C-alpha atoms as a PDB file:
ATOM      1  CA  MET A   1      -3.755 -29.295 -18.643  1.00  0.00           C
ATOM      2  CA  PHE A   2      -5.985 -29.757 -15.976  1.00  0.00           C
ATOM      3  CA  LEU A   3      -8.804 -27.003 -16.160  1.00  0.00           C
ATOM      4  CA  LEU A   4     -12.630 -27.525 -15.279  1.00  0.00           C
ATOM      5  CA  LYS A   5     -15.578 -25.545 -15.340  1.00  0.00           C
ATOM      6  CA  PRO A   6     -18.128 -24.643 -13.051  1.00  0.00           C
ATOM      7  CA  VAL A   7     -20.836 -27.618 -13.415  1.00  0.00           C
ATOM      8  CA  TRP A   8     -23.352 -26.225 -10.939  1.00  0.00           C
ATOM      9  CA  ALA A   9     -25.522 -23.521 -10.603  1.00  0.00           C
ATOM     10  CA  GLN A  10     -25.915 -22.716  -7.248  1.00  0.00           C
ATOM     11  CA  THR A  11     -22.227 -21.860  -6.601  1.00  0.00           C
ATOM     12  CA  LYS A  12     -21.260 -19.111  -9.395  1.00  0.00           C
ATOM     13  CA  PHE A  13     -17.632 -18.711  -8.974  1.00  0.00           C
ATOM     14  CA  SER A  14     -15.559 -15.761 -10.217  1.00  0.00           C
ATOM     15  CA  GLY A  15     -12.127 -15.655  -9.599  1.00  0.00           C
ATOM     16  CA  LYS A  16     -11.451 -12.017 -10.117  1.00  0.00           C
ATOM     17  CA  ASN A  17     -13.075 -11.492  -6.356  1.00  0.00           C
ATOM     18  CA  VAL A  18     -11.650 -14.579  -4.730  1.00  0.00           C
ATOM     19  CA  SER A  19      -8.568 -14.311  -2.781  1.00  0.00           C
ATOM     20  CA  VAL A  20      -7.063 -17.234  -1.172  1.00  0.00           C
ATOM     21  CA  LEU A  21      -4.624 -17.417   1.750  1.00  0.00           C
ATOM     22  CA  VAL A  22      -2.754 -20.665   1.646  1.00  0.00           C
ATOM     23  CA  TYR A  23      -0.976 -21.030   5.222  1.00  0.00           C
ATOM     24  CA  THR A  24       1.968 -23.677   5.577  1.00  0.00           C
ATOM     25  CA  LYS A  25       3.520 -23.641   9.112  1.00  0.00           C
ATOM     26  CA  ASN A  26       3.193 -26.726  11.237  1.00  0.00           C
ATOM     27  CA  GLY A  27       4.014 -27.535  14.922  1.00  0.00           C
ATOM     28  CA  LYS A  28       6.697 -29.322  16.315  1.00  0.00           C
ATOM     29  CA  GLY A  29       6.086 -32.827  15.284  1.00  0.00           C
ATOM     30  CA  TYR A  30       5.674 -34.503  11.889  1.00  0.00           C
ATOM     31  CA  VAL A  31       5.858 -32.197   8.882  1.00  0.00           C
ATOM     32  CA  HIS A  32       4.180 -33.702   5.438  1.00  0.00           C
ATOM     33  CA  ASP A  33       6.776 -33.551   2.622  1.00  0.00           C
ATOM     34  CA  ASN A  34       3.114 -33.028   0.468  1.00  0.00           C
ATOM     35  CA  ILE A  35       3.039 -29.015   1.326  1.00  0.00           C
ATOM     36  CA  PRO A  36       5.100 -28.024  -1.295  1.00  0.00           C
ATOM     37  CA  SER A  37       3.465 -29.672  -3.974  1.00  0.00           C
ATOM     38  CA  ALA A  38       0.105 -28.805  -2.494  1.00  0.00           C
ATOM     39  CA  VAL A  39       1.185 -25.070  -2.730  1.00  0.00           C
ATOM     40  CA  ALA A  40       2.367 -25.951  -6.148  1.00  0.00           C
ATOM     41  CA  ALA A  41      -0.659 -27.253  -7.451  1.00  0.00           C
ATOM     42  CA  ILE A  42      -3.014 -24.215  -5.670  1.00  0.00           C
ATOM     43  CA  GLN A  43      -1.176 -21.896  -7.231  1.00  0.00           C
ATOM     44  CA  LYS A  44      -1.409 -23.903 -10.665  1.00  0.00           C
ATOM     45  CA  LEU A  45      -5.503 -24.043 -10.168  1.00  0.00           C
ATOM     46  CA  ALA A  46      -4.901 -20.003  -9.394  1.00  0.00           C
ATOM     47  CA  GLN A  47      -3.213 -18.986 -12.730  1.00  0.00           C
ATOM     48  CA  GLN A  48      -6.301 -21.595 -14.425  1.00  0.00           C
ATOM     49  CA  HIS A  49      -9.248 -19.844 -13.033  1.00  0.00           C
ATOM     50  CA  GLY A  50      -8.178 -16.637 -12.291  1.00  0.00           C
ATOM     51  CA  PHE A  51      -8.077 -16.376  -8.575  1.00  0.00           C
ATOM     52  CA  LYS A  52      -5.496 -14.901  -6.388  1.00  0.00           C
ATOM     53  CA  VAL A  53      -3.322 -16.962  -3.613  1.00  0.00           C
ATOM     54  CA  ASP A  54      -1.185 -15.583  -0.624  1.00  0.00           C
ATOM     55  CA  VAL A  55       1.270 -18.383   0.622  1.00  0.00           C
ATOM     56  CA  SER A  56       2.355 -17.779   3.938  1.00  0.00           C
ATOM     57  CA  ASP A  57       3.871 -19.761   7.252  1.00  0.00           C
ATOM     58  CA  GLN A  58       3.905 -16.776   9.518  1.00  0.00           C
ATOM     59  CA  PRO A  59       1.248 -16.502  12.288  1.00  0.00           C
ATOM     60  CA  GLN A  60       1.571 -13.060  12.190  1.00  0.00           C
ATOM     61  CA  VAL A  61      -0.769 -12.916   9.081  1.00  0.00           C
ATOM     62  CA  PHE A  62      -3.697 -13.676  10.996  1.00  0.00           C
ATOM     63  CA  THR A  63      -4.934 -10.222  12.492  1.00  0.00           C
ATOM     64  CA  THR A  64      -8.562  -8.928  11.842  1.00  0.00           C
ATOM     65  CA  GLU A  65      -7.538  -6.420   9.013  1.00  0.00           C
ATOM     66  CA  ASN A  66      -5.489  -8.756   7.035  1.00  0.00           C
ATOM     67  CA  LEU A  67      -7.891 -11.393   6.869  1.00  0.00           C
ATOM     68  CA  LYS A  68     -10.797  -9.124   5.786  1.00  0.00           C
ATOM     69  CA  LYS A  69      -8.843  -9.792   2.121  1.00  0.00           C
ATOM     70  CA  TYR A  70      -9.465 -13.203   1.915  1.00  0.00           C
ATOM     71  CA  THR A  71     -12.396 -15.296   0.403  1.00  0.00           C
ATOM     72  CA  LEU A  72     -10.929 -18.413   2.257  1.00  0.00           C
ATOM     73  CA  LEU A  73      -7.977 -19.747   3.899  1.00  0.00           C
ATOM     74  CA  LEU A  74      -6.829 -23.148   3.016  1.00  0.00           C
ATOM     75  CA  PHE A  75      -4.537 -25.154   5.216  1.00  0.00           C
ATOM     76  CA  PRO A  76      -2.399 -28.084   3.256  1.00  0.00           C
ATOM     77  CA  SER A  77      -1.776 -30.671   5.633  1.00  0.00           C
ATOM     78  CA  THR A  78      -0.957 -28.490   8.510  1.00  0.00           C
ATOM     79  CA  ASN A  79      -0.214 -30.407  12.112  1.00  0.00           C
ATOM     80  CA  ASN A  80      -0.141 -29.290  15.508  1.00  0.00           C
ATOM     81  CA  ASP A  81      -0.033 -25.889  17.036  1.00  0.00           C
ATOM     82  CA  VAL A  82       0.120 -23.533  14.176  1.00  0.00           C
ATOM     83  CA  PHE A  83      -0.522 -20.423  15.599  1.00  0.00           C
ATOM     84  CA  ASP A  84       2.079 -18.761  18.423  1.00  0.00           C
ATOM     85  CA  THR A  85      -0.959 -16.430  20.332  1.00  0.00           C
ATOM     86  CA  ASN A  86      -4.325 -16.810  21.360  1.00  0.00           C
ATOM     87  CA  GLU A  87      -4.709 -13.361  19.817  1.00  0.00           C
ATOM     88  CA  GLN A  88      -4.127 -15.177  16.502  1.00  0.00           C
ATOM     89  CA  ARG A  89      -6.705 -17.698  17.319  1.00  0.00           C
ATOM     90  CA  LEU A  90      -9.082 -15.394  18.214  1.00  0.00           C
ATOM     91  CA  ALA A  91      -8.528 -13.529  14.940  1.00  0.00           C
ATOM     92  CA  PHE A  92      -9.108 -16.557  13.207  1.00  0.00           C
ATOM     93  CA  ARG A  93     -12.071 -17.389  14.931  1.00  0.00           C
ATOM     94  CA  LYS A  94     -13.775 -13.923  14.329  1.00  0.00           C
ATOM     95  CA  TYR A  95     -13.004 -14.289  10.606  1.00  0.00           C
ATOM     96  CA  MET A  96     -14.710 -17.638  10.484  1.00  0.00           C
ATOM     97  CA  GLN A  97     -17.575 -15.815  12.429  1.00  0.00           C
ATOM     98  CA  ALA A  98     -17.958 -12.724   9.882  1.00  0.00           C
ATOM     99  CA  GLY A  99     -18.546 -15.344   7.428  1.00  0.00           C
ATOM    100  CA  GLY A 100     -15.481 -16.931   5.970  1.00  0.00           C
ATOM    101  CA  GLY A 101     -14.587 -20.063   4.265  1.00  0.00           C
ATOM    102  CA  PHE A 102     -12.047 -22.240   5.335  1.00  0.00           C
ATOM    103  CA  VAL A 103     -11.200 -25.813   3.126  1.00  0.00           C
ATOM    104  CA  GLY A 104      -8.264 -28.138   5.032  1.00  0.00           C
ATOM    105  CA  LEU A 105      -6.357 -30.830   3.218  1.00  0.00           C
ATOM    106  CA  HIS A 106      -5.357 -34.024   4.774  1.00  0.00           C
ATOM    107  CA  SER A 107      -3.384 -33.842   8.216  1.00  0.00           C
ATOM    108  CA  VAL A 108      -5.450 -30.445   9.032  1.00  0.00           C
ATOM    109  CA  VAL A 109      -7.618 -32.750  11.441  1.00  0.00           C
ATOM    110  CA  GLY A 110      -4.221 -32.776  13.401  1.00  0.00           C
ATOM    111  CA  THR A 111      -4.057 -29.130  13.738  1.00  0.00           C
ATOM    112  CA  GLU A 112      -4.442 -27.308  16.830  1.00  0.00           C
ATOM    113  CA  ARG A 113      -5.562 -30.335  18.936  1.00  0.00           C
ATOM    114  CA  ASN A 114      -5.598 -28.265  22.270  1.00  0.00           C
ATOM    115  CA  TRP A 115      -8.113 -26.029  20.886  1.00  0.00           C
ATOM    116  CA  PRO A 116     -11.653 -27.345  21.257  1.00  0.00           C
ATOM    117  CA  TRP A 117     -13.149 -24.488  19.104  1.00  0.00           C
ATOM    118  CA  PHE A 118     -10.997 -25.603  16.169  1.00  0.00           C
ATOM    119  CA  LYS A 119     -11.352 -29.664  16.617  1.00  0.00           C
ATOM    120  CA  MET A 120     -14.949 -28.658  16.228  1.00  0.00           C
ATOM    121  CA  MET A 121     -14.656 -26.690  13.251  1.00  0.00           C
ATOM    122  CA  LEU A 122     -12.864 -29.752  11.512  1.00  0.00           C
ATOM    123  CA  GLY A 123     -15.270 -32.131  12.937  1.00  0.00           C
ATOM    124  CA  GLY A 124     -12.997 -33.889  14.892  1.00  0.00           C
ATOM    125  CA  SER A 125      -9.351 -34.427  15.286  1.00  0.00           C
ATOM    126  CA  PHE A 126      -6.821 -37.015  14.349  1.00  0.00           C
ATOM    127  CA  VAL A 127      -5.740 -39.969  16.398  1.00  0.00           C
ATOM    128  CA  TRP A 128      -4.582 -42.887  14.047  1.00  0.00           C
ATOM    129  CA  HIS A 129      -4.292 -43.955  10.706  1.00  0.00           C
ATOM    130  CA  PRO A 130      -3.469 -47.428   9.464  1.00  0.00           C
ATOM    131  CA  PRO A 131      -0.537 -47.854   6.960  1.00  0.00           C
ATOM    132  CA  PHE A 132      -0.447 -46.294   3.384  1.00  0.00           C
ATOM    133  CA  GLN A 133      -2.179 -48.579   1.183  1.00  0.00           C
ATOM    134  CA  LYS A 134      -4.854 -48.830  -1.673  1.00  0.00           C
ATOM    135  CA  LEU A 135      -8.166 -47.793  -0.360  1.00  0.00           C
ATOM    136  CA  LYS A 136     -11.480 -47.775  -1.790  1.00  0.00           C
ATOM    137  CA  ILE A 137     -13.581 -44.168  -1.365  1.00  0.00           C
ATOM    138  CA  VAL A 138     -17.254 -44.534  -1.884  1.00  0.00           C
ATOM    139  CA  LEU A 139     -19.395 -41.480  -3.234  1.00  0.00           C
ATOM    140  CA  ILE A 140     -21.845 -41.509  -0.807  1.00  0.00           C
ATOM    141  CA  ASP A 141     -23.791 -38.288  -1.908  1.00  0.00           C
ATOM    142  CA  PRO A 142     -23.244 -37.482  -5.476  1.00  0.00           C
ATOM    143  CA  ALA A 143     -25.262 -34.091  -5.175  1.00  0.00           C
ATOM    144  CA  GLN A 144     -23.081 -32.625  -3.333  1.00  0.00           C
ATOM    145  CA  PRO A 145     -21.834 -29.569  -5.379  1.00  0.00           C
ATOM    146  CA  SER A 146     -17.926 -30.206  -4.635  1.00  0.00           C
ATOM    147  CA  ALA A 147     -18.356 -34.082  -5.570  1.00  0.00           C
ATOM    148  CA  GLN A 148     -19.540 -33.818  -9.416  1.00  0.00           C
ATOM    149  CA  GLY A 149     -17.208 -35.723 -11.568  1.00  0.00           C
ATOM    150  CA  LEU A 150     -15.589 -37.870  -8.954  1.00  0.00           C
ATOM    151  CA  PRO A 151     -15.964 -41.594  -9.172  1.00  0.00           C
ATOM    152  CA  LYS A 152     -18.561 -43.743  -7.505  1.00  0.00           C
ATOM    153  CA  ILE A 153     -15.956 -45.613  -6.052  1.00  0.00           C
ATOM    154  CA  TRP A 154     -12.553 -44.010  -6.270  1.00  0.00           C
ATOM    155  CA  ALA A 155      -9.809 -46.493  -5.780  1.00  0.00           C
ATOM    156  CA  LYS A 156      -6.244 -45.123  -4.757  1.00  0.00           C
ATOM    157  CA  GLU A 157      -3.607 -45.253  -2.586  1.00  0.00           C
ATOM    158  CA  ASP A 158      -3.784 -43.138   0.388  1.00  0.00           C
ATOM    159  CA  GLU A 159      -4.178 -43.053   4.298  1.00  0.00           C
ATOM    160  CA  CYS A 160      -7.898 -43.548   6.269  1.00  0.00           C
ATOM    161  CA  TYR A 161      -7.154 -41.078   9.053  1.00  0.00           C
ATOM    162  CA  PHE A 162      -9.347 -41.760  12.266  1.00  0.00           C
ATOM    163  CA  MET A 163     -10.309 -39.203  14.708  1.00  0.00           C
ATOM    164  CA  LYS A 164     -11.483 -38.301  18.080  1.00  0.00           C
ATOM    165  CA  ASP A 165     -13.746 -35.730  19.729  1.00  0.00           C
ATOM    166  CA  LEU A 166     -16.266 -36.068  16.762  1.00  0.00           C
ATOM    167  CA  TYR A 167     -18.286 -33.014  16.002  1.00  0.00           C
ATOM    168  CA  PRO A 168     -21.749 -33.863  14.907  1.00  0.00           C
ATOM    169  CA  GLY A 169     -22.665 -30.867  12.618  1.00  0.00           C
ATOM    170  CA  THR A 170     -20.891 -32.371   9.496  1.00  0.00           C
ATOM    171  CA  HIS A 171     -22.245 -33.682   6.230  1.00  0.00           C
ATOM    172  CA  THR A 172     -19.977 -36.442   4.901  1.00  0.00           C
ATOM    173  CA  PHE A 173     -19.604 -37.181   1.194  1.00  0.00           C
ATOM    174  CA  LEU A 174     -16.931 -39.454   0.625  1.00  0.00           C
ATOM    175  CA  ALA A 175     -16.215 -41.983   2.910  1.00  0.00           C
ATOM    176  CA  HIS A 176     -13.785 -44.443   3.455  1.00  0.00           C
ATOM    177  CA  ASP A 177     -14.865 -48.215   2.839  1.00  0.00           C
ATOM    178  CA  LEU A 178     -13.570 -49.705   5.694  1.00  0.00           C
ATOM    179  CA  THR A 179     -14.161 -53.115   4.506  1.00  0.00           C
ATOM    180  CA  ASN A 180     -11.463 -52.822   2.250  1.00  0.00           C
ATOM    181  CA  LEU A 181      -8.611 -52.320   4.582  1.00  0.00           C
ATOM    182  CA  ASN A 182      -5.456 -54.821   5.511  1.00  0.00           C
ATOM    183  CA  PRO A 183      -7.101 -56.946   8.200  1.00  0.00           C
ATOM    184  CA  ASN A 184      -4.025 -57.136  10.156  1.00  0.00           C
ATOM    185  CA  GLU A 185      -5.207 -53.814  11.512  1.00  0.00           C
ATOM    186  CA  SER A 186      -8.846 -54.798  12.181  1.00  0.00           C
ATOM    187  CA  GLU A 187      -8.898 -55.244  15.432  1.00  0.00           C
ATOM    188  CA  LYS A 188      -7.184 -51.676  16.463  1.00  0.00           C
ATOM    189  CA  MET A 189      -9.593 -50.175  13.840  1.00  0.00           C
ATOM    190  CA  LYS A 190     -12.684 -51.754  15.451  1.00  0.00           C
ATOM    191  CA  SER A 191     -11.653 -49.915  18.696  1.00  0.00           C
ATOM    192  CA  ILE A 192     -11.033 -46.526  17.095  1.00  0.00           C
ATOM    193  CA  ALA A 193     -13.678 -46.256  14.516  1.00  0.00           C
ATOM    194  CA  GLY A 194     -16.608 -46.549  17.306  1.00  0.00           C
ATOM    195  CA  PRO A 195     -19.998 -46.442  15.919  1.00  0.00           C
ATOM    196  CA  TYR A 196     -18.896 -46.570  12.036  1.00  0.00           C
ATOM    197  CA  THR A 197     -18.612 -49.862  10.716  1.00  0.00           C
ATOM    198  CA  THR A 198     -18.182 -50.178   6.984  1.00  0.00           C
ATOM    199  CA  LEU A 199     -18.102 -46.667   6.229  1.00  0.00           C
ATOM    200  CA  TYR A 200     -15.916 -43.468   7.997  1.00  0.00           C
ATOM    201  CA  PRO A 201     -15.594 -40.068   6.625  1.00  0.00           C
ATOM    202  CA  ALA A 202     -13.202 -39.052   4.200  1.00  0.00           C
ATOM    203  CA  ALA A 203     -14.565 -35.484   2.929  1.00  0.00           C
ATOM    204  CA  TRP A 204     -16.926 -33.741   4.451  1.00  0.00           C
ATOM    205  CA  TYR A 205     -18.216 -29.779   4.898  1.00  0.00           C
ATOM    206  CA  GLN A 206     -20.323 -27.836   7.575  1.00  0.00           C
ATOM    207  CA  LYS A 207     -21.438 -24.712   8.257  1.00  0.00           C
ATOM    208  CA  PHE A 208     -19.879 -23.703  12.054  1.00  0.00           C
ATOM    209  CA  ASP A 209     -20.367 -20.889  13.993  1.00  0.00           C
ATOM    210  CA  GLY A 210     -20.834 -18.254  10.883  1.00  0.00           C
ATOM    211  CA  GLY A 211     -18.344 -20.052   8.657  1.00  0.00           C
ATOM    212  CA  LEU A 212     -18.316 -22.847   5.867  1.00  0.00           C
ATOM    213  CA  VAL A 213     -15.822 -25.281   6.425  1.00  0.00           C
ATOM    214  CA  TRP A 214     -14.884 -28.068   3.432  1.00  0.00           C
ATOM    215  CA  ILE A 215     -12.174 -30.614   4.752  1.00  0.00           C
ATOM    216  CA  THR A 216     -10.659 -33.963   2.794  1.00  0.00           C
ATOM    217  CA  ALA A 217      -8.369 -36.212   4.413  1.00  0.00           C
ATOM    218  CA  LEU A 218      -7.253 -37.694   1.295  1.00  0.00           C
ATOM    219  CA  GLY A 219      -4.057 -36.727   0.235  1.00  0.00           C
ATOM    220  CA  HIS A 220      -1.051 -37.622   1.833  1.00  0.00           C
ATOM    221  CA  ALA A 221       1.329 -38.842  -1.178  1.00  0.00           C
ATOM    222  CA  LYS A 222       3.245 -35.986  -3.357  1.00  0.00           C
ATOM    223  CA  THR A 223       1.898 -37.287  -6.406  1.00  0.00           C
ATOM    224  CA  ASP A 224      -1.355 -36.442  -5.416  1.00  0.00           C
ATOM    225  CA  TYR A 225      -1.411 -32.958  -6.313  1.00  0.00           C
ATOM    226  CA  GLN A 226      -0.416 -33.769 -10.273  1.00  0.00           C
ATOM    227  CA  ASP A 227      -3.262 -36.202  -9.997  1.00  0.00           C
ATOM    228  CA  ALA A 228      -6.412 -35.371 -11.925  1.00  0.00           C
ATOM    229  CA  THR A 229      -8.742 -36.627 -10.022  1.00  0.00           C
ATOM    230  CA  TYR A 230      -7.576 -35.391  -6.776  1.00  0.00           C
ATOM    231  CA  LEU A 231      -7.186 -32.193  -8.157  1.00  0.00           C
ATOM    232  CA  ARG A 232     -10.631 -31.857  -9.164  1.00  0.00           C
ATOM    233  CA  HIS A 233     -11.261 -33.005  -5.665  1.00  0.00           C
ATOM    234  CA  ILE A 234     -10.005 -30.005  -4.009  1.00  0.00           C
ATOM    235  CA  TRP A 235     -10.398 -27.374  -6.772  1.00  0.00           C
ATOM    236  CA  GLN A 236     -14.305 -28.186  -6.274  1.00  0.00           C
ATOM    237  CA  GLY A 237     -13.764 -27.314  -2.653  1.00  0.00           C
ATOM    238  CA  ILE A 238     -12.402 -24.477  -3.072  1.00  0.00           C
ATOM    239  CA  GLN A 239     -14.788 -24.013  -5.801  1.00  0.00           C
ATOM    240  CA  TYR A 240     -17.799 -24.942  -3.433  1.00  0.00           C
ATOM    241  CA  VAL A 241     -16.660 -22.472  -0.428  1.00  0.00           C
ATOM    242  CA  ALA A 242     -15.456 -19.683  -2.442  1.00  0.00           C
ATOM    243  CA  GLY A 243     -18.992 -19.497  -4.829  1.00  0.00           C
ATOM    244  CA  GLN A 244     -20.840 -19.317  -1.121  1.00  0.00           C
ATOM    245  CA  VAL A 245     -18.761 -16.751   0.502  1.00  0.00           C
ATOM    246  CA  ARG A 246     -20.039 -13.327   0.545  1.00  0.00           C
ATOM    247  CA  LYS A 247     -18.733 -10.233   1.999  1.00  0.00           C
ATOM    248  CA  LEU A 248     -17.421 -10.173   5.579  1.00  0.00           C
ATOM    249  CA  ASP A 249     -19.772  -9.157   8.479  1.00  0.00           C
ATOM    250  CA  TYR A 250     -17.900  -8.385  11.553  1.00  0.00           C
ATOM    251  CA  THR A 251     -20.664  -7.438  13.504  1.00  0.00           C
ATOM    252  CA  LYS A 252     -21.594 -10.971  13.679  1.00  0.00           C
ATOM    253  CA  ALA A 253     -18.190 -11.891  15.461  1.00  0.00           C
ATOM    254  CA  TYR A 254     -19.430 -12.053  18.693  1.00  0.00           C
ATOM    255  CA  ALA A 255     -16.072 -14.049  20.400  1.00  0.00           C
ATOM    256  CA  SER A 256     -13.986 -11.903  22.698  1.00  0.00           C
ATOM    257  CA  THR A 257     -11.739 -14.889  23.536  1.00  0.00           C
ATOM    258  CA  HIS A 258     -10.571 -17.750  21.171  1.00  0.00           C
ATOM    259  CA  ASP A 259     -12.406 -20.518  23.287  1.00  0.00           C
ATOM    260  CA  GLU A 260     -15.801 -18.655  24.248  1.00  0.00           C
ATOM    261  CA  ALA A 261     -18.452 -21.192  23.706  1.00  0.00           C
ATOM    262  CA  VAL A 262     -20.288 -21.279  20.543  1.00  0.00           C
ATOM    263  CA  ARG A 263     -23.585 -19.331  20.524  1.00  0.00           C
ATOM    264  CA  TYR A 264     -25.804 -21.863  18.655  1.00  0.00           C
END
């Protein structure tokens, strides 16, 4: 049985007071077949660690009153436009500004590609990936709490996601070894990777516009959600965010529109 206990002091996790909304809606376009596997894995983690999970693909759940129930929101491989209205987008943003938490998996970086604020929150927006292949993932920040127990070099089959509209506020702790990618894609990779030459972000976190964000671009295969190392990875991301989110304070939610400029 996969069961991990907290291994760091600064994030005391008590599942008793943690509630997670897992949101699975996809917009028009490609839909990953890993989503049911991801949901099942998160539900199993909830059973093991004592936190509550609600699952929905209905954008109507994004109201201020409803979101007040949740410690964090988790988007597993969502893609394209996942909200129906700007009012729903504003409710999401106010939740983050109030001090909420967000965890995103894999193709989440392709979500809401026309909403600049959301792309900034994610750290960028998906543009391309080479074919699924065996990758080397380098642990470049072993002190990051959610990296505890991960291999220094993680060899796994997955997709290396490249992004545009990169936001400079993120902190990478896992990085793709670009020198290990199939050389048949090297020219296109060089043109898209920009200033990154040997390493490229694979998992990162940031405090953004009042909220705490944790993203991993890993997790394409359905089998990942039964793999102990990957499960450790996403569980520790959930634990890291939940351990820092305190009581929501909506007096800090200043936005009156979903796309209002960020107040730094």
